[in-house]
Structure formats: structure tokens, C-alpha cells
Amino acid sequence: MPKHKSAETVDSGDSSSDSGPDPEPAPKKQKPEKKKEKSKVDGDDQEHMYALSRQKFVNVREFRGRILIDIREYYDAGGEMKPGKKGISLTVEQWRKLEEKVDEINDSIKTMA
């Protein structure tokens, strides 16, 4: 006595589905593609982006009602530049303090170089 029926075994019952070849299953419907949200390099934010190097940008943006100066590395994700984890977001107050220290920072760079 076989333990498993083979795929070729046909049921000899009187069901109406045995009257002809099995119909082909309907083709699967493709899910509609969702529109992806534009990356930060595209759209309105691009007006406020300034390149520092090939993958480093300064972006002035608004987040939760606050203006932030975002200094961040971006990466290429299938033709779109997306923000990476490496970076910092400064508030306007922090940015102003950094601006005040630029001369001191430049002097430090000159003494070290």
C-alpha cells in the first residue's frame, strides 16, 4: 500500500470537474505601485540645499515648526539621493553661535596646518 498518492493519480469519482482539462488559473493582479515620497534632494527642499562635496550637503529645512540647519551625508538609493545617519541638525540659535566662532575656528585651523 503506497503511503502517498502520486500527482498523476486521478480520482474516479463522479465530480463534474473531471469533464475536461483543468482551466488555467487567472493571472495574478499586480499591485498598483505606490508613489514614493520624493527624496530631500528633489522638490522644494532642493532650493535650500548647498553641496559641500559629492555626498555632503547643508540643508535648511523646517521640522515640527522649527527651522533646522542640517549638515548631513547623503547616499544614492536607486538614482535618488537620500539622507544618511551621519550628520547633525542645528537650531538657528546653535547656527548663530557657530557663525560667531568661525574666526576662532579658522585661526585654529591656520595654527594646526
N, C-alpha and C. Protein backbone atom coordinates (compact mmCIF):
# COMPACT_ATOMS: atom_id res chain seq x y z
N MET A 1 0.84 -1.16 0.00
CA MET A 1 0.00 0.00 0.00
C MET A 1 0.89 1.24 0.00
N PRO A 2 0.74 2.12 -1.02
CA PRO A 2 1.59 3.30 -1.09
C PRO A 2 1.20 4.32 -0.01
N LYS A 3 2.23 4.98 0.53
CA LYS A 3 1.98 5.95 1.58
C LYS A 3 1.45 7.27 1.02
N HIS A 4 1.90 7.64 -0.18
CA HIS A 4 1.49 8.91 -0.77
C HIS A 4 0.91 8.65 -2.14
N LYS A 5 -0.12 9.39 -2.48
CA LYS A 5 -0.66 9.30 -3.83
C LYS A 5 0.22 10.13 -4.75
N SER A 6 0.47 9.64 -5.92
CA SER A 6 1.28 10.41 -6.86
C SER A 6 0.43 11.50 -7.49
N ALA A 7 1.08 12.47 -8.08
CA ALA A 7 0.38 13.59 -8.70
C ALA A 7 -0.43 13.13 -9.90
N GLU A 8 -0.07 11.99 -10.48
CA GLU A 8 -0.77 11.51 -11.66
C GLU A 8 -2.03 10.74 -11.32
N THR A 9 -2.25 10.39 -10.06
CA THR A 9 -3.43 9.65 -9.66
C THR A 9 -4.65 10.52 -9.83
N VAL A 10 -5.67 9.99 -10.52
CA VAL A 10 -6.89 10.73 -10.78
C VAL A 10 -8.01 10.11 -9.97
N ASP A 11 -8.80 10.96 -9.35
CA ASP A 11 -9.94 10.49 -8.58
C ASP A 11 -11.00 9.98 -9.56
N SER A 12 -11.53 8.81 -9.33
CA SER A 12 -12.50 8.22 -10.24
C SER A 12 -13.93 8.55 -9.84
N GLY A 13 -14.11 9.60 -9.05
CA GLY A 13 -15.45 9.98 -8.59
C GLY A 13 -16.25 10.60 -9.72
N ASP A 14 -17.50 10.88 -9.44
CA ASP A 14 -18.41 11.43 -10.43
C ASP A 14 -18.49 12.95 -10.35
N SER A 15 -17.41 13.61 -10.06
CA SER A 15 -17.46 15.07 -9.95
C SER A 15 -17.50 15.69 -11.34
N SER A 16 -18.12 16.84 -11.43
CA SER A 16 -18.27 17.50 -12.73
C SER A 16 -16.98 18.17 -13.17
N SER A 17 -15.99 18.30 -12.29
CA SER A 17 -14.75 18.95 -12.67
C SER A 17 -13.86 18.05 -13.52
N ASP A 18 -14.19 16.78 -13.66
CA ASP A 18 -13.38 15.87 -14.46
C ASP A 18 -13.82 15.85 -15.92
N SER A 19 -14.69 16.74 -16.32
CA SER A 19 -15.23 16.68 -17.67
C SER A 19 -14.29 17.23 -18.73
N GLY A 20 -13.20 17.85 -18.37
CA GLY A 20 -12.29 18.36 -19.37
C GLY A 20 -10.99 18.78 -18.73
N PRO A 21 -10.16 19.42 -19.52
CA PRO A 21 -8.88 19.87 -18.97
C PRO A 21 -9.11 20.94 -17.90
N ASP A 22 -8.20 20.96 -16.95
CA ASP A 22 -8.31 21.93 -15.87
C ASP A 22 -8.12 23.34 -16.44
N PRO A 23 -8.95 24.27 -16.02
CA PRO A 23 -8.77 25.64 -16.51
C PRO A 23 -7.50 26.23 -15.90
N GLU A 24 -6.85 27.10 -16.68
CA GLU A 24 -5.63 27.74 -16.19
C GLU A 24 -6.01 28.76 -15.11
N PRO A 25 -5.19 28.86 -14.09
CA PRO A 25 -5.51 29.84 -13.06
C PRO A 25 -5.44 31.26 -13.63
N ALA A 26 -6.27 32.13 -13.10
CA ALA A 26 -6.29 33.51 -13.57
C ALA A 26 -4.95 34.17 -13.25
N PRO A 27 -4.47 35.02 -14.15
CA PRO A 27 -3.19 35.69 -13.88
C PRO A 27 -3.32 36.57 -12.63
N LYS A 28 -2.23 36.62 -11.88
CA LYS A 28 -2.24 37.41 -10.65
C LYS A 28 -2.29 38.89 -11.00
N LYS A 29 -3.07 39.61 -10.22
CA LYS A 29 -3.15 41.05 -10.42
C LYS A 29 -1.94 41.70 -9.78
N GLN A 30 -1.38 42.64 -10.49
CA GLN A 30 -0.24 43.36 -9.94
C GLN A 30 -0.77 44.47 -9.05
N LYS A 31 -0.11 44.63 -7.92
CA LYS A 31 -0.50 45.70 -7.01
C LYS A 31 -0.11 47.03 -7.63
N PRO A 32 -0.95 48.03 -7.49
CA PRO A 32 -0.56 49.33 -8.04
C PRO A 32 0.63 49.87 -7.27
N GLU A 33 1.56 50.42 -8.02
CA GLU A 33 2.77 50.94 -7.38
C GLU A 33 2.43 52.20 -6.60
N LYS A 34 2.89 52.23 -5.37
CA LYS A 34 2.67 53.41 -4.55
C LYS A 34 3.69 54.46 -4.96
N LYS A 35 3.24 55.68 -5.00
CA LYS A 35 4.17 56.75 -5.33
C LYS A 35 5.08 56.97 -4.14
N LYS A 36 6.37 56.92 -4.40
CA LYS A 36 7.33 57.12 -3.33
C LYS A 36 7.47 58.61 -3.05
N GLU A 37 7.64 58.90 -1.79
CA GLU A 37 7.85 60.29 -1.41
C GLU A 37 9.19 60.74 -1.97
N LYS A 38 9.22 61.92 -2.48
CA LYS A 38 10.44 62.45 -3.08
C LYS A 38 11.53 62.57 -2.02
N SER A 39 12.75 62.32 -2.44
CA SER A 39 13.86 62.46 -1.51
C SER A 39 14.11 63.93 -1.22
N LYS A 40 14.92 64.20 -0.24
CA LYS A 40 15.16 65.57 0.18
C LYS A 40 15.91 66.37 -0.88
N VAL A 41 16.54 65.70 -1.81
CA VAL A 41 17.26 66.42 -2.85
C VAL A 41 16.29 66.92 -3.91
N ASP A 42 15.14 66.28 -4.03
CA ASP A 42 14.14 66.67 -5.02
C ASP A 42 13.16 67.66 -4.41
N GLY A 43 12.42 68.38 -5.27
CA GLY A 43 11.32 69.20 -4.81
C GLY A 43 11.76 70.52 -4.19
N ASP A 44 10.92 71.02 -3.30
CA ASP A 44 11.13 72.33 -2.70
C ASP A 44 12.39 72.38 -1.84
N ASP A 45 12.74 71.27 -1.20
CA ASP A 45 13.90 71.27 -0.32
C ASP A 45 15.20 71.50 -1.09
N GLN A 46 15.19 71.21 -2.38
CA GLN A 46 16.40 71.37 -3.18
C GLN A 46 16.81 72.85 -3.24
N GLU A 47 15.85 73.75 -3.14
CA GLU A 47 16.16 75.17 -3.17
C GLU A 47 17.03 75.58 -1.99
N HIS A 48 16.93 74.84 -0.90
CA HIS A 48 17.64 75.19 0.32
C HIS A 48 18.78 74.23 0.62
N MET A 49 19.27 73.53 -0.40
CA MET A 49 20.37 72.59 -0.21
C MET A 49 21.63 73.15 -0.86
N TYR A 50 22.74 72.99 -0.13
CA TYR A 50 24.01 73.52 -0.60
C TYR A 50 25.04 72.41 -0.49
N ALA A 51 25.68 72.10 -1.61
CA ALA A 51 26.64 70.99 -1.65
C ALA A 51 27.96 71.42 -1.02
N LEU A 52 28.47 70.57 -0.15
CA LEU A 52 29.81 70.76 0.41
C LEU A 52 30.81 69.88 -0.32
N SER A 53 30.37 68.71 -0.72
CA SER A 53 31.16 67.77 -1.51
C SER A 53 30.17 66.90 -2.27
N ARG A 54 30.67 65.82 -2.84
CA ARG A 54 29.82 64.96 -3.66
C ARG A 54 28.63 64.39 -2.89
N GLN A 55 28.85 64.04 -1.62
CA GLN A 55 27.78 63.41 -0.86
C GLN A 55 27.44 64.14 0.44
N LYS A 56 28.02 65.31 0.66
CA LYS A 56 27.74 66.08 1.87
C LYS A 56 27.01 67.36 1.49
N PHE A 57 25.92 67.61 2.20
CA PHE A 57 25.08 68.77 1.90
C PHE A 57 24.69 69.49 3.18
N VAL A 58 24.44 70.79 3.04
CA VAL A 58 23.81 71.59 4.09
C VAL A 58 22.40 71.86 3.59
N ASN A 59 21.42 71.57 4.43
CA ASN A 59 20.02 71.72 4.06
C ASN A 59 19.34 72.56 5.13
N VAL A 60 18.69 73.63 4.71
CA VAL A 60 17.89 74.44 5.63
C VAL A 60 16.45 73.98 5.45
N ARG A 61 15.87 73.47 6.55
CA ARG A 61 14.53 72.89 6.44
C ARG A 61 13.73 73.18 7.69
N GLU A 62 12.45 72.89 7.60
CA GLU A 62 11.57 73.06 8.74
C GLU A 62 11.12 71.69 9.22
N PHE A 63 11.16 71.49 10.53
CA PHE A 63 10.74 70.22 11.12
C PHE A 63 9.98 70.53 12.40
N ARG A 64 8.73 70.10 12.45
CA ARG A 64 7.86 70.34 13.61
C ARG A 64 7.82 71.82 14.00
N GLY A 65 7.73 72.66 12.99
CA GLY A 65 7.61 74.08 13.23
C GLY A 65 8.90 74.79 13.57
N ARG A 66 10.02 74.09 13.55
CA ARG A 66 11.32 74.69 13.87
C ARG A 66 12.21 74.67 12.64
N ILE A 67 12.96 75.72 12.44
CA ILE A 67 13.91 75.78 11.33
C ILE A 67 15.19 75.10 11.79
N LEU A 68 15.68 74.17 10.96
CA LEU A 68 16.90 73.43 11.27
C LEU A 68 17.90 73.58 10.14
N ILE A 69 19.16 73.64 10.50
CA ILE A 69 20.25 73.61 9.53
C ILE A 69 20.85 72.22 9.63
N ASP A 70 20.66 71.44 8.59
CA ASP A 70 21.01 70.03 8.58
C ASP A 70 22.30 69.85 7.78
N ILE A 71 23.36 69.39 8.42
CA ILE A 71 24.63 69.11 7.74
C ILE A 71 24.76 67.59 7.73
N ARG A 72 24.66 66.97 6.56
CA ARG A 72 24.48 65.53 6.52
C ARG A 72 25.10 64.91 5.28
N GLU A 73 25.52 63.64 5.43
CA GLU A 73 25.94 62.83 4.28
C GLU A 73 24.70 62.22 3.65
N TYR A 74 24.69 62.17 2.34
CA TYR A 74 23.60 61.55 1.60
C TYR A 74 24.15 60.34 0.86
N TYR A 75 23.26 59.41 0.52
CA TYR A 75 23.66 58.22 -0.23
C TYR A 75 22.72 58.04 -1.41
N ASP A 76 23.21 57.36 -2.43
CA ASP A 76 22.44 57.13 -3.65
C ASP A 76 21.64 55.85 -3.49
N ALA A 77 20.31 55.97 -3.54
CA ALA A 77 19.42 54.82 -3.42
C ALA A 77 18.62 54.70 -4.71
N GLY A 78 19.18 54.01 -5.67
CA GLY A 78 18.48 53.79 -6.93
C GLY A 78 18.21 55.08 -7.70
N GLY A 79 19.18 55.95 -7.77
CA GLY A 79 19.01 57.18 -8.52
C GLY A 79 18.52 58.35 -7.69
N GLU A 80 18.09 58.11 -6.47
CA GLU A 80 17.64 59.18 -5.59
C GLU A 80 18.64 59.36 -4.46
N MET A 81 18.94 60.60 -4.14
CA MET A 81 19.81 60.89 -3.02
C MET A 81 18.96 60.96 -1.76
N LYS A 82 19.33 60.14 -0.77
CA LYS A 82 18.59 60.10 0.48
C LYS A 82 19.52 60.43 1.64
N PRO A 83 18.99 61.05 2.69
CA PRO A 83 19.84 61.42 3.83
C PRO A 83 20.28 60.20 4.61
N GLY A 84 21.54 60.20 5.02
CA GLY A 84 22.08 59.11 5.81
C GLY A 84 22.03 59.43 7.30
N LYS A 85 22.58 58.52 8.09
CA LYS A 85 22.60 58.71 9.54
C LYS A 85 23.67 59.69 9.98
N LYS A 86 24.74 59.78 9.20
CA LYS A 86 25.86 60.64 9.59
C LYS A 86 25.52 62.10 9.32
N GLY A 87 25.40 62.84 10.38
CA GLY A 87 25.12 64.26 10.22
C GLY A 87 24.64 64.87 11.52
N ILE A 88 24.36 66.16 11.43
CA ILE A 88 23.89 66.90 12.60
C ILE A 88 22.86 67.93 12.15
N SER A 89 21.89 68.17 13.01
CA SER A 89 20.90 69.21 12.77
C SER A 89 21.07 70.28 13.83
N LEU A 90 21.28 71.50 13.39
CA LEU A 90 21.47 72.62 14.30
C LEU A 90 20.24 73.51 14.29
N THR A 91 19.86 74.00 15.47
CA THR A 91 18.80 75.01 15.53
C THR A 91 19.39 76.32 15.04
N VAL A 92 18.53 77.30 14.80
CA VAL A 92 19.01 78.60 14.34
C VAL A 92 19.93 79.22 15.40
N GLU A 93 19.58 79.05 16.67
CA GLU A 93 20.41 79.57 17.77
C GLU A 93 21.81 78.94 17.75
N GLN A 94 21.86 77.62 17.57
CA GLN A 94 23.16 76.93 17.51
C GLN A 94 23.94 77.38 16.28
N TRP A 95 23.26 77.58 15.16
CA TRP A 95 23.90 78.04 13.93
C TRP A 95 24.53 79.42 14.14
N ARG A 96 23.80 80.31 14.80
CA ARG A 96 24.31 81.67 15.07
C ARG A 96 25.57 81.61 15.95
N LYS A 97 25.57 80.72 16.94
CA LYS A 97 26.75 80.57 17.79
C LYS A 97 27.94 80.06 16.98
N LEU A 98 27.67 79.13 16.06
CA LEU A 98 28.74 78.61 15.20
C LEU A 98 29.29 79.73 14.32
N GLU A 99 28.39 80.56 13.78
CA GLU A 99 28.82 81.70 12.96
C GLU A 99 29.75 82.63 13.74
N GLU A 100 29.43 82.86 15.01
CA GLU A 100 30.25 83.74 15.84
C GLU A 100 31.65 83.16 16.06
N LYS A 101 31.77 81.85 16.04
CA LYS A 101 33.05 81.18 16.32
C LYS A 101 33.88 80.91 15.06
N VAL A 102 33.38 81.29 13.89
CA VAL A 102 34.07 80.96 12.64
C VAL A 102 35.49 81.52 12.61
N ASP A 103 35.68 82.77 13.04
CA ASP A 103 37.03 83.36 13.03
C ASP A 103 37.98 82.59 13.94
N GLU A 104 37.50 82.21 15.12
CA GLU A 104 38.33 81.44 16.05
C GLU A 104 38.67 80.06 15.48
N ILE A 105 37.69 79.45 14.84
CA ILE A 105 37.91 78.13 14.23
C ILE A 105 38.94 78.24 13.11
N ASN A 106 38.81 79.28 12.28
CA ASN A 106 39.78 79.50 11.19
C ASN A 106 41.18 79.73 11.73
N ASP A 107 41.30 80.48 12.83
CA ASP A 107 42.62 80.69 13.45
C ASP A 107 43.21 79.37 13.93
N SER A 108 42.38 78.52 14.53
CA SER A 108 42.85 77.21 14.99
C SER A 108 43.33 76.35 13.83
N ILE A 109 42.61 76.42 12.72
CA ILE A 109 42.99 75.65 11.53
C ILE A 109 44.34 76.14 11.01
N LYS A 110 44.53 77.45 10.99
CA LYS A 110 45.80 78.02 10.50
C LYS A 110 46.98 77.60 11.37
N THR A 111 46.79 77.57 12.69
CA THR A 111 47.90 77.20 13.57
C THR A 111 48.23 75.72 13.46
N MET A 112 47.26 74.90 13.14
CA MET A 112 47.49 73.45 13.05
C MET A 112 48.01 73.04 11.68
N ALA A 113 47.72 73.82 10.66
CA ALA A 113 48.10 73.44 9.29
C ALA A 113 49.51 73.81 8.95
